Amino acid sequence: MRPYQSIQRKSRSLAHPRIRVYKIYYNSWVIKHLL
């Protein structure tokens, strides 16, 4: 169970910054289309 948990933690740490980047891209795209 421990190695599986460590893999989950690594995937989460890698996914968080990507989610933030996608949100920024999505927000900028929405703003551009609304303007």
C-alpha atoms as a PDB file:
ATOM      1  CA  MET A   1       0.000   0.000   0.000  1.00  0.00           C
ATOM      2  CA  ARG A   2       2.851   2.396   0.746  1.00  0.00           C
ATOM      3  CA  PRO A   3       4.363   2.448  -2.783  1.00  0.00           C
ATOM      4  CA  TYR A   4       0.876   2.972  -4.234  1.00  0.00           C
ATOM      5  CA  GLN A   5       0.310   5.935  -1.914  1.00  0.00           C
ATOM      6  CA  SER A   6       3.681   7.435  -2.869  1.00  0.00           C
ATOM      7  CA  ILE A   7       2.709   7.128  -6.562  1.00  0.00           C
ATOM      8  CA  GLN A   8      -0.602   8.866  -5.832  1.00  0.00           C
ATOM      9  CA  ARG A   9       1.231  11.695  -4.067  1.00  0.00           C
ATOM     10  CA  LYS A  10       3.618  12.094  -7.015  1.00  0.00           C
ATOM     11  CA  SER A  11       0.762  12.137  -9.545  1.00  0.00           C
ATOM     12  CA  ARG A  12      -1.103  14.682  -7.430  1.00  0.00           C
ATOM     13  CA  SER A  13       1.955  16.937  -7.140  1.00  0.00           C
ATOM     14  CA  LEU A  14       2.367  16.742 -10.937  1.00  0.00           C
ATOM     15  CA  ALA A  15      -1.333  17.306 -11.627  1.00  0.00           C
ATOM     16  CA  HIS A  16      -1.803  20.380  -9.421  1.00  0.00           C
ATOM     17  CA  PRO A  17       0.398  22.822 -11.404  1.00  0.00           C
ATOM     18  CA  ARG A  18      -1.060  21.522 -14.660  1.00  0.00           C
ATOM     19  CA  ILE A  19      -4.605  22.168 -13.422  1.00  0.00           C
ATOM     20  CA  ARG A  20      -3.590  25.711 -12.469  1.00  0.00           C
ATOM     21  CA  VAL A  21      -2.093  26.280 -15.926  1.00  0.00           C
ATOM     22  CA  TYR A  22      -5.217  24.931 -17.629  1.00  0.00           C
ATOM     23  CA  LYS A  23      -7.410  27.215 -15.499  1.00  0.00           C
ATOM     24  CA  ILE A  24      -5.277  30.218 -16.471  1.00  0.00           C
ATOM     25  CA  TYR A  25      -5.491  29.284 -20.173  1.00  0.00           C
ATOM     26  CA  TYR A  26      -9.251  28.719 -19.910  1.00  0.00           C
ATOM     27  CA  ASN A  27      -9.802  32.037 -18.118  1.00  0.00           C
ATOM     28  CA  SER A  28      -7.733  33.939 -20.697  1.00  0.00           C
ATOM     29  CA  TRP A  29      -9.626  32.205 -23.544  1.00  0.00           C
ATOM     30  CA  VAL A  30     -13.016  33.074 -22.008  1.00  0.00           C
ATOM     31  CA  ILE A  31     -11.972  36.692 -21.460  1.00  0.00           C
ATOM     32  CA  LYS A  32     -10.772  36.997 -25.060  1.00  0.00           C
ATOM     33  CA  HIS A  33     -14.038  35.609 -26.448  1.00  0.00           C
ATOM     34  CA  LEU A  34     -16.197  37.722 -24.144  1.00  0.00           C
ATOM     35  CA  LEU A  35     -14.344  40.893 -25.142  1.00  0.00           C
END
